[in-house]
Amino acid sequence: MIQTYGIFVLAAFAEVAGCFAFWAYVRLDKSPFWLIPGVVCLVLFAYLLTRADTELAGRAYAAYGGI
């Protein structure tokens, strides 16, 4: 269970970093090279969520989606 929480924490950081990279590219007129780490972080985010316990991941997805 503790491992699952660690995965969620890492996934959250990856999601925020990926979204920030895209935001910086669009809003701060950063180089298109900012999109590369953004894509890598968002892929890492998706991958990490596949590593979480299925029961806990389902609850997290429901809470995240506001359901």
PDB file of N, CA and C in Angstrom:
ATOM      1  N   MET A   1       0.820  -1.193   0.000  1.00  0.00           N
ATOM      2  CA  MET A   1       0.000   0.000   0.000  1.00  0.00           C
ATOM      3  C   MET A   1       0.868   1.262   0.000  1.00  0.00           C
ATOM      4  N   ILE A   2       1.944   1.257   0.777  1.00  0.00           N
ATOM      5  CA  ILE A   2       2.837   2.413   0.812  1.00  0.00           C
ATOM      6  C   ILE A   2       3.478   2.606  -0.562  1.00  0.00           C
ATOM      7  N   GLN A   3       3.799   1.506  -1.234  1.00  0.00           N
ATOM      8  CA  GLN A   3       4.374   1.605  -2.575  1.00  0.00           C
ATOM      9  C   GLN A   3       3.390   2.280  -3.523  1.00  0.00           C
ATOM     10  N   THR A   4       2.108   1.980  -3.391  1.00  0.00           N
ATOM     11  CA  THR A   4       1.090   2.587  -4.243  1.00  0.00           C
ATOM     12  C   THR A   4       1.020   4.088  -4.018  1.00  0.00           C
ATOM     13  N   TYR A   5       1.093   4.514  -2.759  1.00  0.00           N
ATOM     14  CA  TYR A   5       1.080   5.950  -2.484  1.00  0.00           C
ATOM     15  C   TYR A   5       2.298   6.633  -3.085  1.00  0.00           C
ATOM     16  N   GLY A   6       3.441   5.980  -3.025  1.00  0.00           N
ATOM     17  CA  GLY A   6       4.644   6.519  -3.652  1.00  0.00           C
ATOM     18  C   GLY A   6       4.479   6.672  -5.148  1.00  0.00           C
ATOM     19  N   ILE A   7       3.841   5.694  -5.756  1.00  0.00           N
ATOM     20  CA  ILE A   7       3.588   5.763  -7.189  1.00  0.00           C
ATOM     21  C   ILE A   7       2.684   6.949  -7.502  1.00  0.00           C
ATOM     22  N   PHE A   8       1.649   7.148  -6.681  1.00  0.00           N
ATOM     23  CA  PHE A   8       0.746   8.282  -6.902  1.00  0.00           C
ATOM     24  C   PHE A   8       1.468   9.618  -6.752  1.00  0.00           C
ATOM     25  N   VAL A   9       2.373   9.709  -5.797  1.00  0.00           N
ATOM     26  CA  VAL A   9       3.132  10.949  -5.604  1.00  0.00           C
ATOM     27  C   VAL A   9       4.027  11.210  -6.812  1.00  0.00           C
ATOM     28  N   LEU A  10       4.730  10.193  -7.267  1.00  0.00           N
ATOM     29  CA  LEU A  10       5.577  10.354  -8.460  1.00  0.00           C
ATOM     30  C   LEU A  10       4.743  10.696  -9.685  1.00  0.00           C
ATOM     31  N   ALA A  11       3.602  10.045  -9.825  1.00  0.00           N
ATOM     32  CA  ALA A  11       2.718  10.330 -10.957  1.00  0.00           C
ATOM     33  C   ALA A  11       2.228  11.768 -10.912  1.00  0.00           C
ATOM     34  N   ALA A  12       1.920  12.261  -9.730  1.00  0.00           N
ATOM     35  CA  ALA A  12       1.462  13.647  -9.601  1.00  0.00           C
ATOM     36  C   ALA A  12       2.547  14.626 -10.028  1.00  0.00           C
ATOM     37  N   PHE A  13       3.773  14.376  -9.594  1.00  0.00           N
ATOM     38  CA  PHE A  13       4.875  15.245 -10.007  1.00  0.00           C
ATOM     39  C   PHE A  13       5.083  15.201 -11.523  1.00  0.00           C
ATOM     40  N   ALA A  14       5.005  14.013 -12.098  1.00  0.00           N
ATOM     41  CA  ALA A  14       5.180  13.880 -13.546  1.00  0.00           C
ATOM     42  C   ALA A  14       4.072  14.618 -14.298  1.00  0.00           C
ATOM     43  N   GLU A  15       2.853  14.526 -13.798  1.00  0.00           N
ATOM     44  CA  GLU A  15       1.739  15.214 -14.453  1.00  0.00           C
ATOM     45  C   GLU A  15       1.915  16.727 -14.390  1.00  0.00           C
ATOM     46  N   VAL A  16       2.260  17.233 -13.227  1.00  0.00           N
ATOM     47  CA  VAL A  16       2.437  18.674 -13.074  1.00  0.00           C
ATOM     48  C   VAL A  16       3.591  19.166 -13.946  1.00  0.00           C
ATOM     49  N   ALA A  17       4.691  18.431 -13.954  1.00  0.00           N
ATOM     50  CA  ALA A  17       5.837  18.830 -14.770  1.00  0.00           C
ATOM     51  C   ALA A  17       5.492  18.817 -16.258  1.00  0.00           C
ATOM     52  N   GLY A  18       4.784  17.792 -16.698  1.00  0.00           N
ATOM     53  CA  GLY A  18       4.397  17.712 -18.100  1.00  0.00           C
ATOM     54  C   GLY A  18       3.454  18.822 -18.500  1.00  0.00           C
ATOM     55  N   CYS A  19       2.476  19.088 -17.671  1.00  0.00           N
ATOM     56  CA  CYS A  19       1.525  20.165 -17.967  1.00  0.00           C
ATOM     57  C   CYS A  19       2.208  21.525 -17.921  1.00  0.00           C
ATOM     58  N   PHE A  20       3.136  21.707 -16.980  1.00  0.00           N
ATOM     59  CA  PHE A  20       3.859  22.973 -16.913  1.00  0.00           C
ATOM     60  C   PHE A  20       4.685  23.203 -18.167  1.00  0.00           C
ATOM     61  N   ALA A  21       5.314  22.156 -18.680  1.00  0.00           N
ATOM     62  CA  ALA A  21       6.129  22.310 -19.886  1.00  0.00           C
ATOM     63  C   ALA A  21       5.279  22.786 -21.060  1.00  0.00           C
ATOM     64  N   PHE A  22       4.102  22.219 -21.220  1.00  0.00           N
ATOM     65  CA  PHE A  22       3.211  22.662 -22.293  1.00  0.00           C
ATOM     66  C   PHE A  22       2.728  24.088 -22.044  1.00  0.00           C
ATOM     67  N   TRP A  23       2.390  24.392 -20.800  1.00  0.00           N
ATOM     68  CA  TRP A  23       1.931  25.730 -20.449  1.00  0.00           C
ATOM     69  C   TRP A  23       3.030  26.754 -20.725  1.00  0.00           C
ATOM     70  N   ALA A  24       4.264  26.433 -20.334  1.00  0.00           N
ATOM     71  CA  ALA A  24       5.385  27.353 -20.556  1.00  0.00           C
ATOM     72  C   ALA A  24       5.609  27.583 -22.051  1.00  0.00           C
ATOM     73  N   TYR A  25       5.475  26.540 -22.843  1.00  0.00           N
ATOM     74  CA  TYR A  25       5.636  26.686 -24.288  1.00  0.00           C
ATOM     75  C   TYR A  25       4.593  27.638 -24.863  1.00  0.00           C
ATOM     76  N   VAL A  26       3.348  27.471 -24.451  1.00  0.00           N
ATOM     77  CA  VAL A  26       2.260  28.272 -25.012  1.00  0.00           C
ATOM     78  C   VAL A  26       2.198  29.667 -24.402  1.00  0.00           C
ATOM     79  N   ARG A  27       2.254  29.760 -23.091  1.00  0.00           N
ATOM     80  CA  ARG A  27       2.025  31.039 -22.408  1.00  0.00           C
ATOM     81  C   ARG A  27       3.274  31.883 -22.227  1.00  0.00           C
ATOM     82  N   LEU A  28       4.425  31.249 -22.087  1.00  0.00           N
ATOM     83  CA  LEU A  28       5.658  31.994 -21.847  1.00  0.00           C
ATOM     84  C   LEU A  28       6.540  32.071 -23.083  1.00  0.00           C
ATOM     85  N   ASP A  29       5.999  31.593 -24.202  1.00  0.00           N
ATOM     86  CA  ASP A  29       6.740  31.606 -25.474  1.00  0.00           C
ATOM     87  C   ASP A  29       8.105  30.935 -25.370  1.00  0.00           C
ATOM     88  N   LYS A  30       8.132  29.820 -24.667  1.00  0.00           N
ATOM     89  CA  LYS A  30       9.376  29.049 -24.567  1.00  0.00           C
ATOM     90  C   LYS A  30       9.612  28.287 -25.863  1.00  0.00           C
ATOM     91  N   SER A  31      10.807  27.781 -26.007  1.00  0.00           N
ATOM     92  CA  SER A  31      11.203  27.022 -27.189  1.00  0.00           C
ATOM     93  C   SER A  31      10.342  25.757 -27.338  1.00  0.00           C
ATOM     94  N   PRO A  32      10.119  25.332 -28.589  1.00  0.00           N
ATOM     95  CA  PRO A  32       9.398  24.069 -28.790  1.00  0.00           C
ATOM     96  C   PRO A  32      10.097  22.871 -28.142  1.00  0.00           C
ATOM     97  N   PHE A  33      11.361  23.014 -27.820  1.00  0.00           N
ATOM     98  CA  PHE A  33      12.084  21.931 -27.147  1.00  0.00           C
ATOM     99  C   PHE A  33      11.522  21.654 -25.760  1.00  0.00           C
ATOM    100  N   TRP A  34      10.760  22.583 -25.200  1.00  0.00           N
ATOM    101  CA  TRP A  34      10.089  22.357 -23.918  1.00  0.00           C
ATOM    102  C   TRP A  34       9.039  21.265 -24.043  1.00  0.00           C
ATOM    103  N   LEU A  35       8.570  21.018 -25.250  1.00  0.00           N
ATOM    104  CA  LEU A  35       7.541  19.998 -25.447  1.00  0.00           C
ATOM    105  C   LEU A  35       8.096  18.583 -25.272  1.00  0.00           C
ATOM    106  N   ILE A  36       9.376  18.410 -25.506  1.00  0.00           N
ATOM    107  CA  ILE A  36       9.980  17.076 -25.381  1.00  0.00           C
ATOM    108  C   ILE A  36       9.901  16.564 -23.945  1.00  0.00           C
ATOM    109  N   PRO A  37      10.413  17.320 -22.963  1.00  0.00           N
ATOM    110  CA  PRO A  37      10.265  16.820 -21.590  1.00  0.00           C
ATOM    111  C   PRO A  37       8.802  16.787 -21.146  1.00  0.00           C
ATOM    112  N   GLY A  38       7.985  17.666 -21.724  1.00  0.00           N
ATOM    113  CA  GLY A  38       6.561  17.639 -21.402  1.00  0.00           C
ATOM    114  C   GLY A  38       5.918  16.334 -21.801  1.00  0.00           C
ATOM    115  N   VAL A  39       6.221  15.877 -23.000  1.00  0.00           N
ATOM    116  CA  VAL A  39       5.672  14.604 -23.478  1.00  0.00           C
ATOM    117  C   VAL A  39       6.232  13.447 -22.648  1.00  0.00           C
ATOM    118  N   VAL A  40       7.519  13.484 -22.363  1.00  0.00           N
ATOM    119  CA  VAL A  40       8.141  12.423 -21.566  1.00  0.00           C
ATOM    120  C   VAL A  40       7.488  12.339 -20.187  1.00  0.00           C
ATOM    121  N   CYS A  41       7.268  13.484 -19.566  1.00  0.00           N
ATOM    122  CA  CYS A  41       6.644  13.489 -18.235  1.00  0.00           C
ATOM    123  C   CYS A  41       5.217  12.968 -18.275  1.00  0.00           C
ATOM    124  N   LEU A  42       4.454  13.334 -19.302  1.00  0.00           N
ATOM    125  CA  LEU A  42       3.073  12.866 -19.372  1.00  0.00           C
ATOM    126  C   LEU A  42       2.998  11.373 -19.693  1.00  0.00           C
ATOM    127  N   VAL A  43       3.940  10.871 -20.475  1.00  0.00           N
ATOM    128  CA  VAL A  43       4.004   9.429 -20.716  1.00  0.00           C
ATOM    129  C   VAL A  43       4.387   8.714 -19.418  1.00  0.00           C
ATOM    130  N   LEU A  44       5.345   9.274 -18.690  1.00  0.00           N
ATOM    131  CA  LEU A  44       5.732   8.703 -17.404  1.00  0.00           C
ATOM    132  C   LEU A  44       4.550   8.700 -16.437  1.00  0.00           C
ATOM    133  N   PHE A  45       3.782   9.767 -16.425  1.00  0.00           N
ATOM    134  CA  PHE A  45       2.581   9.857 -15.594  1.00  0.00           C
ATOM    135  C   PHE A  45       1.623   8.709 -15.905  1.00  0.00           C
ATOM    136  N   ALA A  46       1.342   8.510 -17.183  1.00  0.00           N
ATOM    137  CA  ALA A  46       0.420   7.435 -17.577  1.00  0.00           C
ATOM    138  C   ALA A  46       0.991   6.070 -17.210  1.00  0.00           C
ATOM    139  N   TYR A  47       2.273   5.872 -17.443  1.00  0.00           N
ATOM    140  CA  TYR A  47       2.912   4.593 -17.118  1.00  0.00           C
ATOM    141  C   TYR A  47       2.850   4.319 -15.614  1.00  0.00           C
ATOM    142  N   LEU A  48       3.179   5.321 -14.815  1.00  0.00           N
ATOM    143  CA  LEU A  48       3.174   5.121 -13.361  1.00  0.00           C
ATOM    144  C   LEU A  48       1.798   4.728 -12.857  1.00  0.00           C
ATOM    145  N   LEU A  49       0.761   5.293 -13.437  1.00  0.00           N
ATOM    146  CA  LEU A  49      -0.583   4.931 -12.992  1.00  0.00           C
ATOM    147  C   LEU A  49      -0.921   3.479 -13.327  1.00  0.00           C
ATOM    148  N   THR A  50      -0.288   2.930 -14.351  1.00  0.00           N
ATOM    149  CA  THR A  50      -0.531   1.511 -14.650  1.00  0.00           C
ATOM    150  C   THR A  50       0.163   0.610 -13.628  1.00  0.00           C
ATOM    151  N   ARG A  51       1.117   1.142 -12.893  1.00  0.00           N
ATOM    152  CA  ARG A  51       1.849   0.363 -11.902  1.00  0.00           C
ATOM    153  C   ARG A  51       1.146   0.345 -10.546  1.00  0.00           C
ATOM    154  N   ALA A  52       0.146   1.200 -10.356  1.00  0.00           N
ATOM    155  CA  ALA A  52      -0.560   1.287  -9.076  1.00  0.00           C
ATOM    156  C   ALA A  52      -1.538   0.125  -8.936  1.00  0.00           C
ATOM    157  N   ASP A  53      -1.849  -0.207  -7.693  1.00  0.00           N
ATOM    158  CA  ASP A  53      -2.833  -1.235  -7.395  1.00  0.00           C
ATOM    159  C   ASP A  53      -4.155  -0.868  -8.064  1.00  0.00           C
ATOM    160  N   THR A  54      -4.771  -1.819  -8.744  1.00  0.00           N
ATOM    161  CA  THR A  54      -5.966  -1.556  -9.541  1.00  0.00           C
ATOM    162  C   THR A  54      -7.109  -0.998  -8.698  1.00  0.00           C
ATOM    163  N   GLU A  55      -7.336  -1.549  -7.528  1.00  0.00           N
ATOM    164  CA  GLU A  55      -8.439  -1.084  -6.693  1.00  0.00           C
ATOM    165  C   GLU A  55      -8.240   0.376  -6.286  1.00  0.00           C
ATOM    166  N   LEU A  56      -7.049   0.716  -5.865  1.00  0.00           N
ATOM    167  CA  LEU A  56      -6.771   2.085  -5.455  1.00  0.00           C
ATOM    168  C   LEU A  56      -6.754   3.028  -6.655  1.00  0.00           C
ATOM    169  N   ALA A  57      -6.269   2.563  -7.784  1.00  0.00           N
ATOM    170  CA  ALA A  57      -6.223   3.408  -8.978  1.00  0.00           C
ATOM    171  C   ALA A  57      -7.640   3.767  -9.426  1.00  0.00           C
ATOM    172  N   GLY A  58      -8.560   2.818  -9.360  1.00  0.00           N
ATOM    173  CA  GLY A  58      -9.935   3.100  -9.748  1.00  0.00           C
ATOM    174  C   GLY A  58     -10.550   4.178  -8.889  1.00  0.00           C
ATOM    175  N   ARG A  59     -10.302   4.125  -7.595  1.00  0.00           N
ATOM    176  CA  ARG A  59     -10.815   5.165  -6.696  1.00  0.00           C
ATOM    177  C   ARG A  59     -10.176   6.516  -6.999  1.00  0.00           C
ATOM    178  N   ALA A  60      -8.877   6.497  -7.279  1.00  0.00           N
ATOM    179  CA  ALA A  60      -8.191   7.749  -7.593  1.00  0.00           C
ATOM    180  C   ALA A  60      -8.719   8.352  -8.891  1.00  0.00           C
ATOM    181  N   TYR A  61      -8.950   7.522  -9.891  1.00  0.00           N
ATOM    182  CA  TYR A  61      -9.494   8.030 -11.146  1.00  0.00           C
ATOM    183  C   TYR A  61     -10.872   8.635 -10.928  1.00  0.00           C
ATOM    184  N   ALA A  62     -11.691   7.991 -10.113  1.00  0.00           N
ATOM    185  CA  ALA A  62     -13.034   8.502  -9.847  1.00  0.00           C
ATOM    186  C   ALA A  62     -12.953   9.848  -9.111  1.00  0.00           C
ATOM    187  N   ALA A  63     -12.092   9.941  -8.124  1.00  0.00           N
ATOM    188  CA  ALA A  63     -11.942  11.203  -7.392  1.00  0.00           C
ATOM    189  C   ALA A  63     -11.365  12.275  -8.302  1.00  0.00           C
ATOM    190  N   TYR A  64     -10.419  11.898  -9.116  1.00  0.00           N
ATOM    191  CA  TYR A  64      -9.768  12.850 -10.015  1.00  0.00           C
ATOM    192  C   TYR A  64     -10.766  13.379 -11.049  1.00  0.00           C
ATOM    193  N   GLY A  65     -11.660  12.535 -11.493  1.00  0.00           N
ATOM    194  CA  GLY A  65     -12.669  12.942 -12.463  1.00  0.00           C
ATOM    195  C   GLY A  65     -13.866  13.620 -11.842  1.00  0.00           C
ATOM    196  N   GLY A  66     -13.906  13.706 -10.527  1.00  0.00           N
ATOM    197  CA  GLY A  66     -15.000  14.379  -9.849  1.00  0.00           C
ATOM    198  C   GLY A  66     -16.273  13.562  -9.765  1.00  0.00           C
ATOM    199  N   ILE A  67     -16.145  12.249  -9.905  1.00  0.00           N
ATOM    200  CA  ILE A  67     -17.323  11.395  -9.872  1.00  0.00           C
ATOM    201  C   ILE A  67     -17.560  10.905  -8.462  1.00  0.00           C
TER     202      ILE A  67
END
